Amino acid sequence: MTIEILELSRITVADRLRSVDEDWAQAIAQSILVNGLMEPLIVRPLGEGQFALVAGAHRYRGLAIAGLDQAECKILELSEAEARLAEIDENLIRRELTALDRAIFLTERKSVYEKLHPETAKGGDLGNQHTGGKTQTSRLATFTEDAAEKMGLSQRSIQDAIALVKSLEPKAISLISSTPLASNAAQLKALSKLQADQQYACAARIASGDVSSVKEWQIAVGDIADPSEPAVPRDAWFTKTVSVWGQAKKRWKRDFVAEYKDELRTLLDELDRDAES
């Protein structure tokens, strides 16, 4: 690693996982004007005197807003995959990430980590006949173990975050990424339980401001009852009965029909007579 002052024009900023928040960059610019750049940018060499930004997109933008054209930079010799991992890790340790951002970063981190260390992925290198199915090198941490240690998160929370991203539609993610829903883990989980087309429809209504939660959207489209509306006794009984019937074992249903078959037959006859009249 070396540290140098570089012209911002020599640094390429592209393919960022997280878009720059202009309001946050403006705040950083004011801090830079008062205190200077307190943390160097991290870059990697591309050749011919050019560099790629690894970490510090908001600081880079803040420098530009502040009217500065140079920055102190840490220059690291990294491959493209290693640079991606460094970008992800720097963002993951920052507390301003939303729940959705963190889940997306963890999902990308898993992909990159397992490309760098394929032996840690399921189905990776398990050794050969001479090693009894085990590699002779020391065991490398799995993705969740490595991420938990470096991020200070539990392995379960990491696994849940990745499962969340896998169950969310990309179009829905794009719509809600800048809404308050992105910071609400419970709402994100509720959204992920909807069907793909429902996720998009719900996310679109939330992004437009028509509704503020998944439950509010479900009520609006009639997917669930409005708890503020007084319950109709017939509807409440019907819903409860159908729910209980659906939970019953087949043997229990047979027993019920056997015990009430005469009453049920009488009721069916009455329905037939009413239909004829």
Protein backbone atom coordinates (compact mmCIF):
# COMPACT_ATOMS: atom_id res chain seq x y z
CA MET A 1 0.00 0.00 0.00
CA THR A 2 1.15 3.52 -0.79
CA ILE A 3 -0.42 6.91 -0.09
CA GLU A 4 -0.29 9.66 -2.72
CA ILE A 5 -2.03 12.89 -3.66
CA LEU A 6 -3.87 12.21 -6.93
CA GLU A 7 -5.81 14.38 -9.35
CA LEU A 8 -9.51 13.46 -9.22
CA SER A 9 -9.48 13.39 -13.02
CA ARG A 10 -7.18 10.35 -12.87
CA ILE A 11 -9.71 8.39 -10.80
CA THR A 12 -12.53 6.50 -12.52
CA VAL A 13 -15.78 6.08 -10.59
CA ALA A 14 -18.00 3.42 -12.12
CA ASP A 15 -20.21 0.41 -11.39
CA ARG A 16 -20.97 1.35 -7.80
CA LEU A 17 -23.28 -0.86 -5.77
CA ARG A 18 -24.70 2.13 -3.97
CA SER A 19 -25.63 5.38 -5.69
CA VAL A 20 -24.33 8.63 -4.25
CA ASP A 21 -26.76 10.53 -2.02
CA GLU A 22 -26.32 14.16 -3.08
CA ASP A 23 -27.52 15.53 0.26
CA TRP A 24 -24.95 13.42 2.10
CA ALA A 25 -22.24 14.44 -0.37
CA GLN A 26 -23.12 18.10 0.24
CA ALA A 27 -22.69 17.58 3.98
CA ILE A 28 -19.32 15.90 3.40
CA ALA A 29 -18.26 18.81 1.18
CA GLN A 30 -18.93 21.27 4.02
CA SER A 31 -16.94 19.08 6.40
CA ILE A 32 -14.03 18.92 3.94
CA LEU A 33 -13.98 22.71 3.59
CA VAL A 34 -13.81 23.08 7.37
CA ASN A 35 -11.71 20.08 8.43
CA GLY A 36 -10.10 18.81 5.25
CA LEU A 37 -10.42 15.24 3.98
CA MET A 38 -10.24 13.22 7.17
CA GLU A 39 -10.13 9.79 5.50
CA PRO A 40 -8.28 9.09 2.22
CA LEU A 41 -9.97 7.64 -0.82
CA ILE A 42 -9.05 4.06 -1.62
CA VAL A 43 -8.08 3.36 -5.23
CA ARG A 44 -6.42 0.66 -7.31
CA PRO A 45 -4.14 1.20 -10.31
CA LEU A 46 -5.51 0.60 -13.80
CA GLY A 47 -2.30 1.38 -15.66
CA GLU A 48 -1.05 4.40 -17.62
CA GLY A 49 -1.42 6.62 -14.57
CA GLN A 50 -5.14 5.94 -14.14
CA PHE A 51 -6.91 4.56 -11.09
CA ALA A 52 -10.27 3.06 -10.19
CA LEU A 53 -12.10 4.14 -7.06
CA VAL A 54 -12.45 1.27 -4.60
CA ALA A 55 -14.03 3.05 -1.63
CA GLY A 56 -15.08 6.61 -0.91
CA ALA A 57 -17.64 7.59 -3.57
CA HIS A 58 -19.36 10.08 -1.26
CA ARG A 59 -16.01 11.59 -0.27
CA TYR A 60 -15.03 11.81 -3.96
CA ARG A 61 -18.27 13.62 -4.77
CA GLY A 62 -17.86 15.85 -1.70
CA LEU A 63 -14.40 16.91 -2.91
CA ALA A 64 -15.83 17.84 -6.31
CA ILE A 65 -18.66 19.84 -4.72
CA ALA A 66 -16.11 21.63 -2.54
CA GLY A 67 -14.27 22.67 -5.71
CA LEU A 68 -11.18 20.59 -5.01
CA ASP A 69 -9.39 18.65 -7.71
CA GLN A 70 -6.96 16.55 -5.67
CA ALA A 71 -7.26 14.04 -2.86
CA GLU A 72 -5.09 11.92 -0.61
CA CYS A 73 -5.47 8.33 -1.75
CA LYS A 74 -4.48 4.91 -0.49
CA ILE A 75 -3.31 2.91 -3.49
CA LEU A 76 -3.90 -0.83 -3.13
CA GLU A 77 -2.89 -3.56 -5.56
CA LEU A 78 -6.22 -5.36 -5.83
CA SER A 79 -7.91 -7.53 -8.42
CA GLU A 80 -11.34 -6.47 -9.60
CA ALA A 81 -13.00 -9.00 -7.26
CA GLU A 82 -10.85 -7.97 -4.30
CA ALA A 83 -11.69 -4.32 -4.97
CA ARG A 84 -15.40 -5.18 -5.02
CA LEU A 85 -15.04 -6.90 -1.66
CA ALA A 86 -13.25 -3.87 -0.20
CA GLU A 87 -16.01 -1.55 -1.47
CA ILE A 88 -18.67 -3.76 0.08
CA ASP A 89 -16.90 -4.07 3.42
CA GLU A 90 -16.34 -0.34 3.77
CA ASN A 91 -20.04 0.29 3.23
CA LEU A 92 -21.17 -2.54 5.49
CA ILE A 93 -19.36 -1.14 8.52
CA ARG A 94 -21.01 2.25 8.09
CA ARG A 95 -24.13 2.72 10.19
CA GLU A 96 -26.07 4.91 7.74
CA LEU A 97 -26.95 1.94 5.54
CA THR A 98 -30.64 1.07 5.33
CA ALA A 99 -31.78 -2.47 6.10
CA LEU A 100 -32.28 -2.99 2.37
CA ASP A 101 -28.83 -1.61 1.48
CA ARG A 102 -27.18 -3.86 4.03
CA ALA A 103 -29.01 -6.93 2.72
CA ILE A 104 -28.02 -6.10 -0.87
CA PHE A 105 -24.38 -5.54 0.10
CA LEU A 106 -24.25 -8.81 2.04
CA THR A 107 -25.71 -10.69 -0.92
CA GLU A 108 -23.12 -9.20 -3.26
CA ARG A 109 -20.38 -9.88 -0.71
CA LYS A 110 -21.33 -13.56 -0.64
CA SER A 111 -21.09 -13.76 -4.43
CA VAL A 112 -17.67 -12.06 -4.52
CA TYR A 113 -16.27 -13.95 -1.53
CA GLU A 114 -17.19 -17.31 -3.02
CA LYS A 115 -15.63 -16.33 -6.36
CA LEU A 116 -12.41 -15.54 -4.52
CA HIS A 117 -12.65 -18.66 -2.35
CA PRO A 118 -14.69 -21.26 -4.29
CA GLU A 119 -13.61 -23.95 -1.85
CA THR A 120 -15.85 -22.36 0.80
CA ALA A 121 -18.99 -22.52 -1.33
CA LYS A 122 -21.31 -25.51 -1.23
CA GLY A 123 -19.95 -28.09 -3.59
CA GLY A 124 -16.49 -26.52 -3.60
CA ASP A 125 -13.14 -28.32 -3.44
CA LEU A 126 -13.41 -31.05 -0.83
CA GLY A 127 -10.03 -32.64 -1.48
CA ASN A 128 -9.23 -35.91 -3.21
CA GLN A 129 -8.65 -39.59 -2.56
CA HIS A 130 -5.27 -38.85 -0.97
CA THR A 131 -6.72 -36.45 1.60
CA GLY A 132 -9.80 -38.42 2.53
CA GLY A 133 -12.12 -35.77 1.18
CA LYS A 134 -10.40 -32.96 3.06
CA THR A 135 -7.91 -30.39 1.91
CA GLN A 136 -4.56 -30.47 3.63
CA THR A 137 -4.45 -26.69 3.91
CA SER A 138 -5.96 -24.99 6.92
CA ARG A 139 -9.71 -24.54 6.76
CA LEU A 140 -10.91 -21.21 5.34
CA ALA A 141 -13.92 -19.54 6.94
CA THR A 142 -17.22 -19.81 5.10
CA PHE A 143 -18.79 -16.61 3.86
CA THR A 144 -21.16 -16.26 6.82
CA GLU A 145 -18.36 -16.93 9.33
CA ASP A 146 -16.07 -14.41 7.66
CA ALA A 147 -18.77 -11.74 7.31
CA ALA A 148 -20.01 -12.23 10.88
CA GLU A 149 -16.51 -11.75 12.27
CA LYS A 150 -15.75 -8.66 10.17
CA MET A 151 -19.16 -6.98 10.32
CA GLY A 152 -20.08 -7.72 13.93
CA LEU A 153 -23.33 -9.38 12.81
CA SER A 154 -24.72 -12.77 13.74
CA GLN A 155 -24.57 -15.51 11.13
CA ARG A 156 -28.35 -15.86 11.35
CA SER A 157 -28.92 -12.17 10.59
CA ILE A 158 -26.60 -12.44 7.57
CA GLN A 159 -28.41 -15.50 6.27
CA ASP A 160 -31.80 -13.79 6.78
CA ALA A 161 -30.61 -10.69 4.90
CA ILE A 162 -29.49 -12.75 1.90
CA ALA A 163 -32.74 -14.74 1.92
CA LEU A 164 -34.65 -11.45 1.94
CA VAL A 165 -32.91 -10.15 -1.20
CA LYS A 166 -33.45 -13.47 -2.99
CA SER A 167 -37.20 -13.30 -2.29
CA LEU A 168 -37.62 -9.66 -3.38
CA GLU A 169 -38.28 -8.76 -7.00
CA PRO A 170 -35.49 -6.57 -8.46
CA LYS A 171 -38.06 -4.09 -9.83
CA ALA A 172 -39.65 -3.81 -6.39
CA ILE A 173 -36.23 -3.26 -4.80
CA SER A 174 -35.54 -0.44 -7.23
CA LEU A 175 -38.85 1.26 -6.39
CA ILE A 176 -38.51 1.14 -2.61
CA SER A 177 -34.76 1.76 -2.25
CA SER A 178 -35.28 5.49 -1.62
CA THR A 179 -38.43 5.17 0.51
CA PRO A 180 -38.74 4.81 4.31
CA LEU A 181 -39.64 1.17 3.69
CA ALA A 182 -35.98 0.47 2.88
CA SER A 183 -35.09 1.10 6.53
CA ASN A 184 -37.88 -1.05 7.98
CA ALA A 185 -36.85 -4.70 8.23
CA ALA A 186 -40.34 -5.86 9.23
CA GLN A 187 -41.92 -4.12 6.21
CA LEU A 188 -39.29 -5.55 3.88
CA LYS A 189 -40.05 -9.04 5.17
CA ALA A 190 -43.78 -8.46 4.69
CA LEU A 191 -43.17 -7.29 1.11
CA SER A 192 -41.01 -10.35 0.37
CA LYS A 193 -43.92 -12.65 1.27
CA LEU A 194 -46.10 -11.27 -1.53
CA GLN A 195 -46.24 -12.77 -5.02
CA ALA A 196 -43.89 -11.20 -7.59
CA ASP A 197 -46.59 -9.12 -9.31
CA GLN A 198 -47.99 -8.05 -5.95
CA GLN A 199 -44.55 -6.94 -4.78
CA TYR A 200 -44.21 -4.63 -7.76
CA ALA A 201 -47.74 -3.24 -7.42
CA CYS A 202 -47.29 -2.66 -3.69
CA ALA A 203 -43.84 -1.08 -4.11
CA ALA A 204 -45.17 1.25 -6.81
CA ARG A 205 -47.97 2.49 -4.53
CA ILE A 206 -45.53 2.99 -1.66
CA ALA A 207 -43.04 4.84 -3.87
CA SER A 208 -45.81 7.14 -5.14
CA GLY A 209 -46.91 7.92 -1.59
CA ASP A 210 -50.41 6.46 -2.03
CA VAL A 211 -49.82 4.04 0.84
CA SER A 212 -47.14 3.90 3.53
CA SER A 213 -46.96 0.20 4.37
CA VAL A 214 -47.49 -3.27 2.96
CA LYS A 215 -50.53 -3.80 5.20
CA GLU A 216 -52.08 -0.51 4.05
CA TRP A 217 -51.68 -1.65 0.43
CA GLN A 218 -53.22 -5.05 1.22
CA ILE A 219 -56.22 -3.32 2.77
CA ALA A 220 -56.53 -0.93 -0.19
CA VAL A 221 -56.67 -3.77 -2.73
CA GLY A 222 -58.94 -5.91 -0.57
CA ASP A 223 -56.32 -8.54 0.12
CA ILE A 224 -57.00 -8.33 3.86
CA ALA A 225 -59.82 -6.84 5.91
CA ASP A 226 -59.53 -3.35 7.31
CA PRO A 227 -59.16 -3.81 11.10
CA SER A 228 -60.70 -0.37 11.64
CA GLU A 229 -63.97 -1.53 10.05
CA PRO A 230 -66.45 -3.26 12.40
CA ALA A 231 -66.49 -6.99 11.77
CA VAL A 232 -69.63 -8.50 10.23
CA PRO A 233 -70.58 -11.47 12.47
CA ARG A 234 -71.26 -13.73 9.48
CA ASP A 235 -67.92 -12.86 7.85
CA ALA A 236 -66.00 -13.33 11.08
CA TRP A 237 -67.62 -16.74 11.68
CA PHE A 238 -67.09 -17.82 8.08
CA THR A 239 -63.41 -16.81 8.07
CA LYS A 240 -62.75 -18.56 11.37
CA THR A 241 -64.58 -21.74 10.29
CA VAL A 242 -62.73 -21.98 6.96
CA SER A 243 -59.43 -21.43 8.76
CA VAL A 244 -60.14 -24.15 11.35
CA TRP A 245 -61.36 -26.57 8.66
CA GLY A 246 -58.20 -26.02 6.65
CA GLN A 247 -56.04 -26.87 9.67
CA ALA A 248 -57.88 -30.11 10.40
CA LYS A 249 -56.45 -33.51 9.58
CA LYS A 250 -58.28 -35.61 6.99
CA ARG A 251 -59.37 -38.11 9.67
CA TRP A 252 -60.90 -35.31 11.74
CA LYS A 253 -62.86 -34.08 8.71
CA ARG A 254 -64.22 -37.60 8.14
CA ASP A 255 -65.27 -37.80 11.80
CA PHE A 256 -67.01 -34.42 11.55
CA VAL A 257 -68.94 -35.38 8.40
CA ALA A 258 -69.92 -38.75 9.91
CA GLU A 259 -71.29 -37.06 13.04
CA TYR A 260 -73.15 -34.23 11.27
CA LYS A 261 -74.06 -35.88 7.96
CA ASP A 262 -77.81 -35.91 8.70
CA GLU A 263 -77.80 -32.22 9.59
CA LEU A 264 -75.70 -31.42 6.52
CA ARG A 265 -78.03 -33.46 4.26
CA THR A 266 -81.04 -31.57 5.60
CA LEU A 267 -79.33 -28.26 4.96
CA LEU A 268 -78.44 -29.27 1.39
CA ASP A 269 -82.07 -30.29 0.73
CA GLU A 270 -83.24 -26.89 1.96
CA LEU A 271 -80.77 -25.15 -0.35
CA ASP A 272 -82.05 -27.22 -3.33
CA ARG A 273 -85.68 -26.30 -2.53
CA ASP A 274 -84.76 -22.62 -2.22
CA ALA A 275 -82.97 -22.74 -5.57
CA GLU A 276 -86.00 -24.36 -7.28
CA SER A 277 -88.38 -21.74 -5.88
